[in-house]
């Protein structure tokens, strides 16, 4: 009596876990402030006063006396 028992067990477990995480965050803040203030004040005061006073007084007295 020959009894031959052959048992072959082949177990293959393959686990592949691939995780790819890509996070891209871009924050751009541009603040440009241009303030131009131009104030011009021009005050011109010109005063010209011309006073011409002419007083002419002429007194002429002629006295003629003739006595005879």
C-alpha atoms as a PDB file:
ATOM      1  CA  UNK A   1       0.000   0.000   0.000  1.00  0.00           C
ATOM      2  CA  UNK A   2       1.527   3.241  -1.018  1.00  0.00           C
ATOM      3  CA  UNK A   3      -0.134   6.419   0.006  1.00  0.00           C
ATOM      4  CA  UNK A   4       1.323   9.544  -1.359  1.00  0.00           C
ATOM      5  CA  UNK A   5      -0.081  12.829  -0.348  1.00  0.00           C
ATOM      6  CA  UNK A   6       1.244  15.948  -1.875  1.00  0.00           C
ATOM      7  CA  UNK A   7      -0.073  19.214  -0.662  1.00  0.00           C
ATOM      8  CA  UNK A   8       1.137  22.363  -2.281  1.00  0.00           C
ATOM      9  CA  UNK A   9      -0.075  25.626  -0.933  1.00  0.00           C
ATOM     10  CA  UNK A  10       1.026  28.764  -2.600  1.00  0.00           C
ATOM     11  CA  UNK A  11      -0.166  31.996  -1.091  1.00  0.00           C
ATOM     12  CA  UNK A  12       0.870  35.248  -2.610  1.00  0.00           C
ATOM     13  CA  UNK A  13      -0.246  38.493  -1.110  1.00  0.00           C
ATOM     14  CA  UNK A  14       0.815  41.687  -2.803  1.00  0.00           C
ATOM     15  CA  UNK A  15      -0.240  44.978  -1.334  1.00  0.00           C
ATOM     16  CA  UNK A  16       0.779  48.121  -3.071  1.00  0.00           C
ATOM     17  CA  UNK A  17      -0.231  51.402  -1.572  1.00  0.00           C
ATOM     18  CA  UNK A  18       0.784  54.489  -3.418  1.00  0.00           C
ATOM     19  CA  UNK A  19      -0.215  57.888  -2.080  1.00  0.00           C
ATOM     20  CA  UNK A  20       0.723  61.056  -3.877  1.00  0.00           C
ATOM     21  CA  UNK A  21      -0.299  64.323  -2.303  1.00  0.00           C
ATOM     22  CA  UNK A  22       0.591  67.566  -4.026  1.00  0.00           C
ATOM     23  CA  UNK A  23      -0.432  70.836  -2.372  1.00  0.00           C
ATOM     24  CA  UNK A  24       0.446  74.067  -4.089  1.00  0.00           C
ATOM     25  CA  UNK A  25      -0.592  77.267  -2.352  1.00  0.00           C
ATOM     26  CA  UNK A  26       0.342  80.603  -3.891  1.00  0.00           C
ATOM     27  CA  UNK A  27      -0.607  83.855  -2.239  1.00  0.00           C
ATOM     28  CA  UNK A  28       0.392  87.075  -3.981  1.00  0.00           C
ATOM     29  CA  UNK A  29      -0.508  90.397  -2.427  1.00  0.00           C
ATOM     30  CA  UNK A  30       0.544  93.552  -4.243  1.00  0.00           C
ATOM     31  CA  UNK A  31      -0.309  96.881  -2.679  1.00  0.00           C
ATOM     32  CA  UNK A  32       0.788  99.972  -4.552  1.00  0.00           C
ATOM     33  CA  UNK A  33      -0.093 103.385  -3.186  1.00  0.00           C
ATOM     34  CA  UNK A  34       0.921 106.532  -4.996  1.00  0.00           C
ATOM     35  CA  UNK A  35      -0.013 109.831  -3.391  1.00  0.00           C
ATOM     36  CA  UNK A  36       0.954 113.054  -5.106  1.00  0.00           C
ATOM     37  CA  UNK A  37       0.010 116.303  -3.433  1.00  0.00           C
ATOM     38  CA  UNK A  38       0.948 119.528  -5.154  1.00  0.00           C
ATOM     39  CA  UNK A  39      -0.043 122.741  -3.409  1.00  0.00           C
ATOM     40  CA  UNK A  40       0.968 126.020  -4.955  1.00  0.00           C
ATOM     41  CA  UNK A  41       0.075 129.308  -3.306  1.00  0.00           C
ATOM     42  CA  UNK A  42       1.171 132.462  -5.053  1.00  0.00           C
ATOM     43  CA  UNK A  43       0.323 135.801  -3.521  1.00  0.00           C
ATOM     44  CA  UNK A  44       1.431 138.891  -5.361  1.00  0.00           C
ATOM     45  CA  UNK A  45       0.616 142.251  -3.854  1.00  0.00           C
ATOM     46  CA  UNK A  46       1.756 145.259  -5.786  1.00  0.00           C
ATOM     47  CA  UNK A  47       0.927 148.676  -4.487  1.00  0.00           C
ATOM     48  CA  UNK A  48       1.997 151.723  -6.396  1.00  0.00           C
ATOM     49  CA  UNK A  49       1.098 155.042  -4.879  1.00  0.00           C
ATOM     50  CA  UNK A  50       2.078 158.163  -6.717  1.00  0.00           C
ATOM     51  CA  UNK A  51       1.191 161.457  -5.114  1.00  0.00           C
ATOM     52  CA  UNK A  52       2.107 164.616  -6.912  1.00  0.00           C
ATOM     53  CA  UNK A  53       1.204 167.805  -5.165  1.00  0.00           C
ATOM     54  CA  UNK A  54       2.121 171.044  -6.773  1.00  0.00           C
ATOM     55  CA  UNK A  55       1.306 174.247  -5.055  1.00  0.00           C
ATOM     56  CA  UNK A  56       2.244 177.396  -6.805  1.00  0.00           C
ATOM     57  CA  UNK A  57       1.511 180.660  -5.151  1.00  0.00           C
ATOM     58  CA  UNK A  58       2.393 183.794  -6.980  1.00  0.00           C
ATOM     59  CA  UNK A  59       1.765 187.103  -5.342  1.00  0.00           C
ATOM     60  CA  UNK A  60       2.594 190.171  -7.286  1.00  0.00           C
ATOM     61  CA  UNK A  61       2.068 193.511  -5.819  1.00  0.00           C
ATOM     62  CA  UNK A  62       2.747 196.595  -7.753  1.00  0.00           C
ATOM     63  CA  UNK A  63       2.327 199.901  -6.037  1.00  0.00           C
ATOM     64  CA  UNK A  64       2.848 203.021  -7.935  1.00  0.00           C
ATOM     65  CA  UNK A  65       2.593 206.292  -6.154  1.00  0.00           C
ATOM     66  CA  UNK A  66       2.948 209.467  -8.047  1.00  0.00           C
ATOM     67  CA  UNK A  67       2.948 212.638  -6.040  1.00  0.00           C
ATOM     68  CA  UNK A  68       3.030 215.880  -7.648  1.00  0.00           C
END
